[in-house]
Amino acid sequence: MDAGSDHRITTVAALRERMGGAGAVTPLKLLTELDDAAIDFIRRAPFLVLATADAAGNQQASPKGDDPGFVLVEDRRTLLIPDRSGNNLLFGLENILANPHVGLLFIMPPNTETLRVSGKAELSADPALLERPAARGKPAKVVIRLTVTQCFFHCAKAFMRSRLWQHESWPARTPFSFGRYLAPKMGKGEALAREIDAHVEEDYRTNL
């Protein structure tokens, strides 16, 4: 490729020239521990995305959700995140064992601001700890203990641009069928697809 037509950005200087610098007050929102506003947001948030990477840097982003306050605030530097029944691929949890550095994005509808938290994570199966975030009569299967190293509130622009919480902008719901997705990959047809979908619905009903 001709160097004159290569528009890749490969240096911080080039990136900053393109995007500009942070505002004068922006660094004030970068904290090394949770403040009262962050704690309040976490205690009211029903959903987060957990970003992890393995030892080679290969990344995963995993959704976590439950009733508001499902993430427990131990103190200003420590969060306890319950992990419950899922598909048992365990990509994110295995990544934590290989590389403890993680990032969280807390989302609290219909707020358009979000809270970003990063730090070092470890896994615990302490029975007393698993009982603390119990839900629907069942303890957590594993608790992720996060030691906070940075947190800050993220502005609303992404949610404003996407109109994520504006119901009138939503398209018609398109139901996803795991059966119709998986059965052809197994060389099977509609009968197995219906069986898979029935199993998924039962799992949703009884195994949250």
Protein backbone atom coordinates (compact mmCIF):
# COMPACT_ATOMS: atom_id res chain seq x y z
CA MET A 1 0.00 0.00 0.00
CA ASP A 2 1.29 3.43 -0.89
CA ALA A 3 2.30 5.30 2.25
CA GLY A 4 0.42 8.37 1.08
CA SER A 5 -2.91 6.50 1.02
CA ASP A 6 -2.52 4.64 4.32
CA HIS A 7 -4.86 6.37 6.78
CA ARG A 8 -4.12 4.15 9.76
CA ILE A 9 -3.43 5.94 13.04
CA THR A 10 -0.44 4.32 14.69
CA THR A 11 0.80 6.81 17.30
CA VAL A 12 -0.68 8.58 20.30
CA ALA A 13 0.43 11.89 18.83
CA ALA A 14 -1.48 11.24 15.62
CA LEU A 15 -4.52 10.14 17.56
CA ARG A 16 -4.50 13.25 19.71
CA GLU A 17 -4.01 15.45 16.67
CA ARG A 18 -7.11 13.87 15.17
CA MET A 19 -9.33 13.73 18.26
CA GLY A 20 -8.08 16.62 20.37
CA GLY A 21 -7.27 16.72 24.05
CA ALA A 22 -9.45 16.13 27.08
CA GLY A 23 -11.29 19.11 28.56
CA ALA A 24 -9.76 20.99 31.45
CA VAL A 25 -12.17 19.52 34.02
CA THR A 26 -12.30 15.98 32.61
CA PRO A 27 -9.36 14.66 34.70
CA LEU A 28 -11.29 15.64 37.84
CA LYS A 29 -13.76 12.81 37.27
CA LEU A 30 -11.03 10.13 37.17
CA LEU A 31 -10.96 8.51 40.60
CA THR A 32 -8.91 5.70 42.12
CA GLU A 33 -11.72 4.59 44.44
CA LEU A 34 -15.50 4.76 44.57
CA ASP A 35 -17.05 8.01 45.76
CA ASP A 36 -20.59 8.42 47.11
CA ALA A 37 -22.08 9.03 43.65
CA ALA A 38 -20.45 5.88 42.24
CA ILE A 39 -21.59 3.78 45.19
CA ASP A 40 -25.16 5.03 44.81
CA PHE A 41 -25.12 4.26 41.08
CA ILE A 42 -23.82 0.71 41.64
CA ARG A 43 -26.43 0.05 44.32
CA ARG A 44 -29.21 1.03 41.91
CA ALA A 45 -27.82 -0.56 38.72
CA PRO A 46 -29.42 -3.83 37.49
CA PHE A 47 -26.92 -4.52 34.72
CA LEU A 48 -23.24 -4.39 33.84
CA VAL A 49 -20.86 -5.58 31.15
CA LEU A 50 -17.67 -7.29 32.35
CA ALA A 51 -14.66 -6.99 30.04
CA THR A 52 -11.80 -9.46 30.47
CA ALA A 53 -8.76 -10.63 28.52
CA ASP A 54 -6.69 -13.78 28.62
CA ALA A 55 -2.92 -13.91 29.03
CA ALA A 56 -2.47 -13.30 25.28
CA GLY A 57 -4.82 -10.31 25.25
CA ASN A 58 -7.78 -12.04 23.60
CA GLN A 59 -10.87 -10.30 24.95
CA GLN A 60 -14.39 -11.12 26.07
CA ALA A 61 -17.30 -8.93 27.16
CA SER A 62 -19.92 -10.63 29.30
CA PRO A 63 -23.31 -9.26 30.46
CA LYS A 64 -24.22 -9.60 34.13
CA GLY A 65 -27.60 -8.63 35.53
CA ASP A 66 -30.05 -9.12 38.39
CA ASP A 67 -32.20 -7.03 40.70
CA PRO A 68 -30.80 -3.53 41.36
CA GLY A 69 -28.02 -3.75 43.90
CA PHE A 70 -26.92 -7.24 42.87
CA VAL A 71 -23.31 -6.04 42.96
CA LEU A 72 -22.29 -5.56 46.58
CA VAL A 73 -20.12 -2.64 47.67
CA GLU A 74 -17.76 -3.97 50.32
CA ASP A 75 -15.95 -0.66 50.68
CA ARG A 76 -14.68 2.14 48.45
CA ARG A 77 -12.05 -0.13 46.91
CA THR A 78 -13.88 -3.47 46.79
CA LEU A 79 -16.86 -4.83 44.82
CA LEU A 80 -18.41 -8.30 45.00
CA ILE A 81 -19.99 -9.46 41.74
CA PRO A 82 -22.05 -12.68 41.83
CA ASP A 83 -21.82 -15.13 38.96
CA ARG A 84 -24.78 -17.44 38.45
CA SER A 85 -25.90 -20.25 36.16
CA GLY A 86 -25.08 -19.68 32.49
CA ASN A 87 -23.79 -21.54 29.46
CA ASN A 88 -20.69 -22.72 31.37
CA LEU A 89 -18.31 -21.67 28.63
CA LEU A 90 -16.65 -19.65 31.46
CA PHE A 91 -14.57 -17.53 29.08
CA GLY A 92 -14.63 -14.48 31.36
CA LEU A 93 -13.92 -16.41 34.56
CA GLU A 94 -11.08 -18.35 32.96
CA ASN A 95 -9.66 -15.05 31.69
CA ILE A 96 -9.63 -13.68 35.25
CA LEU A 97 -7.54 -16.67 36.34
CA ALA A 98 -5.02 -15.88 33.59
CA ASN A 99 -5.18 -12.08 33.71
CA PRO A 100 -6.86 -10.34 36.67
CA HIS A 101 -7.21 -6.92 35.01
CA VAL A 102 -10.87 -6.29 34.18
CA GLY A 103 -13.24 -3.47 33.29
CA LEU A 104 -16.90 -2.95 34.19
CA LEU A 105 -19.57 -0.80 32.56
CA PHE A 106 -22.55 -0.24 34.86
CA ILE A 107 -25.84 0.62 33.14
CA MET A 108 -28.94 1.91 34.90
CA PRO A 109 -31.96 2.47 32.62
CA PRO A 110 -33.29 4.94 31.75
CA ASN A 111 -30.18 6.94 32.71
CA THR A 112 -27.99 7.80 29.74
CA GLU A 113 -24.84 8.24 31.83
CA THR A 114 -22.91 5.09 32.71
CA LEU A 115 -20.25 4.23 35.28
CA ARG A 116 -16.95 2.69 34.27
CA VAL A 117 -14.91 0.80 36.86
CA SER A 118 -11.64 -1.05 36.35
CA GLY A 119 -9.39 -3.01 38.64
CA LYS A 120 -7.98 -6.41 39.56
CA ALA A 121 -10.28 -9.37 40.07
CA GLU A 122 -10.11 -12.69 41.85
CA LEU A 123 -12.60 -15.55 42.19
CA SER A 124 -13.98 -16.87 45.47
CA ALA A 125 -16.09 -19.91 46.40
CA ASP A 126 -16.26 -19.01 50.11
CA PRO A 127 -19.72 -20.33 51.16
CA ALA A 128 -20.38 -17.31 53.40
CA LEU A 129 -19.51 -14.96 50.55
CA LEU A 130 -21.71 -16.85 48.06
CA GLU A 131 -24.73 -16.49 50.34
CA ARG A 132 -24.50 -12.71 50.60
CA PRO A 133 -25.75 -12.01 47.04
CA ALA A 134 -28.22 -14.95 47.06
CA ALA A 135 -31.18 -14.48 44.71
CA ARG A 136 -34.34 -16.51 44.07
CA GLY A 137 -33.39 -18.74 46.98
CA LYS A 138 -30.01 -19.71 45.54
CA PRO A 139 -26.50 -18.55 46.43
CA ALA A 140 -24.08 -17.32 43.79
CA LYS A 141 -21.98 -20.06 42.22
CA VAL A 142 -18.85 -17.89 42.26
CA VAL A 143 -18.15 -14.36 43.49
CA ILE A 144 -15.81 -12.05 41.61
CA ARG A 145 -14.00 -9.81 44.10
CA LEU A 146 -12.84 -6.65 42.36
CA THR A 147 -10.22 -4.33 43.82
CA VAL A 148 -10.96 -0.95 42.24
CA THR A 149 -8.09 0.96 40.63
CA GLN A 150 -10.10 3.49 38.60
CA CYS A 151 -13.69 4.64 38.21
CA PHE A 152 -15.43 7.46 36.40
CA PHE A 153 -18.80 8.44 35.01
CA HIS A 154 -19.11 8.30 31.24
CA CYS A 155 -21.11 10.95 29.40
CA ALA A 156 -24.47 10.26 27.73
CA LYS A 157 -23.55 10.82 24.08
CA ALA A 158 -23.50 7.14 22.99
CA PHE A 159 -26.97 6.57 24.47
CA MET A 160 -28.27 9.82 22.99
CA ARG A 161 -26.94 8.97 19.53
CA SER A 162 -28.33 5.44 19.64
CA ARG A 163 -31.63 6.54 21.25
CA LEU A 164 -31.33 3.33 23.22
CA TRP A 165 -34.00 4.10 25.82
CA GLN A 166 -36.41 5.82 23.40
CA HIS A 167 -39.00 3.10 22.87
CA GLU A 168 -40.50 4.85 19.88
CA SER A 169 -37.20 4.40 18.00
CA TRP A 170 -37.04 0.64 18.59
CA PRO A 171 -37.66 -1.70 15.65
CA ALA A 172 -40.15 -4.52 15.96
CA ARG A 173 -38.81 -7.30 18.17
CA THR A 174 -37.28 -10.19 16.23
CA PRO A 175 -37.31 -13.26 18.50
CA PHE A 176 -34.12 -15.30 18.44
CA SER A 177 -34.43 -19.08 18.21
CA PHE A 178 -31.48 -21.05 19.55
CA GLY A 179 -33.16 -24.11 18.05
CA ARG A 180 -33.24 -22.78 14.50
CA TYR A 181 -29.73 -21.47 14.97
CA LEU A 182 -28.19 -24.68 16.33
CA ALA A 183 -30.17 -27.52 14.74
CA PRO A 184 -28.82 -26.94 11.19
CA LYS A 185 -25.27 -26.88 12.58
CA MET A 186 -26.00 -30.38 13.91
CA GLY A 187 -27.43 -31.55 10.60
CA LYS A 188 -30.93 -31.66 12.08
CA GLY A 189 -34.25 -30.09 11.28
CA GLU A 190 -37.31 -28.45 12.77
CA ALA A 191 -38.08 -31.19 15.29
CA LEU A 192 -34.77 -30.73 17.07
CA ALA A 193 -35.09 -26.96 16.77
CA ARG A 194 -38.38 -27.08 18.68
CA GLU A 195 -36.83 -29.39 21.29
CA ILE A 196 -33.90 -27.02 21.82
CA ASP A 197 -36.18 -24.00 22.10
CA ALA A 198 -38.36 -25.79 24.65
CA HIS A 199 -35.27 -26.66 26.70
CA VAL A 200 -34.06 -23.05 26.57
CA GLU A 201 -37.45 -21.72 27.71
CA GLU A 202 -37.54 -24.18 30.59
CA ASP A 203 -34.01 -23.20 31.60
CA TYR A 204 -35.01 -19.52 31.56
CA ARG A 205 -38.03 -20.33 33.72
CA THR A 206 -36.35 -22.51 36.34
CA ASN A 207 -32.62 -21.79 36.32
CA LEU A 208 -32.03 -18.07 36.69
